[in-house]
C-alpha atoms as a PDB file:
ATOM      1  CA  MET A   1      -3.313  20.825 -54.302  1.00  0.00           C
ATOM      2  CA  ILE A   2      -6.542  20.447 -56.246  1.00  0.00           C
ATOM      3  CA  LYS A   3      -8.257  23.701 -57.070  1.00  0.00           C
ATOM      4  CA  ARG A   4     -12.002  23.354 -56.514  1.00  0.00           C
ATOM      5  CA  GLU A   5     -13.052  26.037 -58.975  1.00  0.00           C
ATOM      6  CA  ARG A   6     -16.798  25.772 -58.320  1.00  0.00           C
ATOM      7  CA  TYR A   7     -16.545  26.103 -54.533  1.00  0.00           C
ATOM      8  CA  LEU A   8     -13.832  28.738 -54.759  1.00  0.00           C
ATOM      9  CA  LYS A   9     -15.916  30.849 -57.146  1.00  0.00           C
ATOM     10  CA  PHE A  10     -18.965  30.542 -54.884  1.00  0.00           C
ATOM     11  CA  LEU A  11     -16.965  31.768 -51.876  1.00  0.00           C
ATOM     12  CA  THR A  12     -15.060  34.521 -53.652  1.00  0.00           C
ATOM     13  CA  ASP A  13     -18.229  35.860 -55.288  1.00  0.00           C
ATOM     14  CA  ALA A  14     -19.793  36.183 -51.829  1.00  0.00           C
ATOM     15  CA  ILE A  15     -16.690  37.412 -50.034  1.00  0.00           C
ATOM     16  CA  ASP A  16     -17.884  40.959 -49.378  1.00  0.00           C
ATOM     17  CA  ASN A  17     -21.453  40.339 -48.285  1.00  0.00           C
ATOM     18  CA  GLU A  18     -22.312  40.464 -44.594  1.00  0.00           C
ATOM     19  CA  PHE A  19     -23.051  36.760 -44.193  1.00  0.00           C
ATOM     20  CA  ILE A  20     -20.789  34.287 -42.431  1.00  0.00           C
ATOM     21  CA  LYS A  21     -19.615  31.458 -44.650  1.00  0.00           C
ATOM     22  CA  VAL A  22     -19.335  27.994 -43.127  1.00  0.00           C
ATOM     23  CA  ILE A  23     -17.490  25.207 -44.892  1.00  0.00           C
ATOM     24  CA  THR A  24     -18.371  21.707 -43.754  1.00  0.00           C
ATOM     25  CA  GLY A  25     -17.469  18.302 -45.063  1.00  0.00           C
ATOM     26  CA  VAL A  26     -16.054  14.939 -44.220  1.00  0.00           C
ATOM     27  CA  ARG A  27     -12.557  14.612 -42.931  1.00  0.00           C
ATOM     28  CA  ARG A  28      -9.751  15.167 -45.482  1.00  0.00           C
ATOM     29  CA  SER A  29     -12.090  16.548 -48.135  1.00  0.00           C
ATOM     30  CA  GLY A  30     -10.130  19.755 -48.746  1.00  0.00           C
ATOM     31  CA  LYS A  31     -11.851  22.277 -46.471  1.00  0.00           C
ATOM     32  CA  SER A  32      -8.591  23.744 -45.154  1.00  0.00           C
ATOM     33  CA  VAL A  33      -7.082  23.885 -48.640  1.00  0.00           C
ATOM     34  CA  LEU A  34     -10.166  25.732 -49.852  1.00  0.00           C
ATOM     35  CA  LEU A  35      -9.726  28.276 -47.035  1.00  0.00           C
ATOM     36  CA  MET A  36      -6.087  28.783 -48.057  1.00  0.00           C
ATOM     37  CA  GLN A  37      -7.196  29.345 -51.650  1.00  0.00           C
ATOM     38  CA  VAL A  38      -9.732  31.952 -50.529  1.00  0.00           C
ATOM     39  CA  GLN A  39      -6.978  33.723 -48.584  1.00  0.00           C
ATOM     40  CA  ASP A  40      -4.784  33.641 -51.703  1.00  0.00           C
ATOM     41  CA  GLU A  41      -7.639  35.207 -53.670  1.00  0.00           C
ATOM     42  CA  LEU A  42      -7.945  37.976 -51.070  1.00  0.00           C
ATOM     43  CA  ARG A  43      -4.230  38.721 -51.366  1.00  0.00           C
ATOM     44  CA  ASN A  44      -4.565  38.733 -55.180  1.00  0.00           C
ATOM     45  CA  ARG A  45      -7.300  41.367 -54.770  1.00  0.00           C
ATOM     46  CA  GLY A  46      -4.904  43.587 -52.846  1.00  0.00           C
ATOM     47  CA  ILE A  47      -6.027  42.743 -49.308  1.00  0.00           C
ATOM     48  CA  SER A  48      -3.025  43.063 -46.998  1.00  0.00           C
ATOM     49  CA  ALA A  49      -1.876  40.198 -44.804  1.00  0.00           C
ATOM     50  CA  ASP A  50      -2.702  42.131 -41.619  1.00  0.00           C
ATOM     51  CA  GLN A  51      -6.373  42.214 -42.665  1.00  0.00           C
ATOM     52  CA  ILE A  52      -6.530  38.397 -42.842  1.00  0.00           C
ATOM     53  CA  VAL A  53      -7.014  36.885 -39.398  1.00  0.00           C
ATOM     54  CA  SER A  54      -6.601  33.129 -39.283  1.00  0.00           C
ATOM     55  CA  MET A  55      -7.274  31.404 -35.982  1.00  0.00           C
ATOM     56  CA  ASN A  56      -6.949  27.695 -35.268  1.00  0.00           C
ATOM     57  CA  PHE A  57      -9.030  26.493 -32.331  1.00  0.00           C
ATOM     58  CA  GLU A  58      -6.612  23.634 -31.660  1.00  0.00           C
ATOM     59  CA  SER A  59      -3.526  25.832 -31.449  1.00  0.00           C
ATOM     60  CA  PHE A  60      -2.212  26.518 -27.970  1.00  0.00           C
ATOM     61  CA  ARG A  61      -1.117  29.994 -29.177  1.00  0.00           C
ATOM     62  CA  ASN A  62      -4.762  30.981 -29.523  1.00  0.00           C
ATOM     63  CA  ALA A  63      -5.737  29.848 -26.017  1.00  0.00           C
ATOM     64  CA  VAL A  64      -5.158  33.369 -24.669  1.00  0.00           C
ATOM     65  CA  TYR A  65      -7.830  34.689 -27.047  1.00  0.00           C
ATOM     66  CA  LEU A  66     -10.292  31.840 -26.784  1.00  0.00           C
ATOM     67  CA  ASN A  67     -10.322  32.021 -22.986  1.00  0.00           C
ATOM     68  CA  ASN A  68     -10.414  35.804 -22.811  1.00  0.00           C
ATOM     69  CA  PRO A  69     -12.903  37.550 -25.110  1.00  0.00           C
ATOM     70  CA  GLU A  70     -11.740  40.979 -23.942  1.00  0.00           C
ATOM     71  CA  LYS A  71      -8.173  40.180 -25.067  1.00  0.00           C
ATOM     72  CA  LEU A  72      -9.459  38.924 -28.436  1.00  0.00           C
ATOM     73  CA  TYR A  73     -11.532  42.086 -28.923  1.00  0.00           C
ATOM     74  CA  GLU A  74      -8.608  44.308 -27.941  1.00  0.00           C
ATOM     75  CA  ASP A  75      -6.273  42.555 -30.384  1.00  0.00           C
ATOM     76  CA  LEU A  76      -8.782  42.676 -33.240  1.00  0.00           C
ATOM     77  CA  MET A  77      -9.502  46.367 -32.716  1.00  0.00           C
ATOM     78  CA  ALA A  78      -5.765  47.091 -32.772  1.00  0.00           C
ATOM     79  CA  ARG A  79      -5.437  45.145 -36.041  1.00  0.00           C
ATOM     80  CA  GLN A  80      -8.482  46.742 -37.624  1.00  0.00           C
ATOM     81  CA  ASN A  81      -7.035  50.249 -37.778  1.00  0.00           C
ATOM     82  CA  GLY A  82      -9.980  51.426 -39.880  1.00  0.00           C
ATOM     83  CA  LYS A  83      -9.730  48.535 -42.341  1.00  0.00           C
ATOM     84  CA  LYS A  84     -12.035  45.601 -43.008  1.00  0.00           C
ATOM     85  CA  LEU A  85     -10.846  42.334 -41.454  1.00  0.00           C
ATOM     86  CA  TYR A  86     -11.380  38.852 -42.863  1.00  0.00           C
ATOM     87  CA  PHE A  87     -11.657  36.035 -40.305  1.00  0.00           C
ATOM     88  CA  PHE A  88     -10.777  32.407 -40.949  1.00  0.00           C
ATOM     89  CA  LEU A  89     -11.600  30.183 -38.003  1.00  0.00           C
ATOM     90  CA  THR A  90     -10.612  26.553 -38.252  1.00  0.00           C
ATOM     91  CA  LYS A  91     -10.330  23.533 -36.035  1.00  0.00           C
ATOM     92  CA  TYR A  92      -7.413  21.897 -37.797  1.00  0.00           C
ATOM     93  CA  SER A  93      -3.895  23.103 -38.516  1.00  0.00           C
ATOM     94  CA  TRP A  94      -2.847  23.896 -42.038  1.00  0.00           C
END
């Protein structure tokens, strides 16, 4: 796994602002690996695993949420429990 220090620093420096971060790039350029590294950084900062929500749009397991926004909202509110959540939405499996 190649650590992309520049991109990782850019994302981790902006992790707590209110803006959505979008990572784009050509196929097999390391986007998913970069997302895993950001999640590792969150855990290193003391963020618990239940605050990190990772959802793959190609996973059949997530179909219940993607087809039912009320179910997604209900699940996220139950997870939130007064804490800040970090969402990672991806198209590909990691």
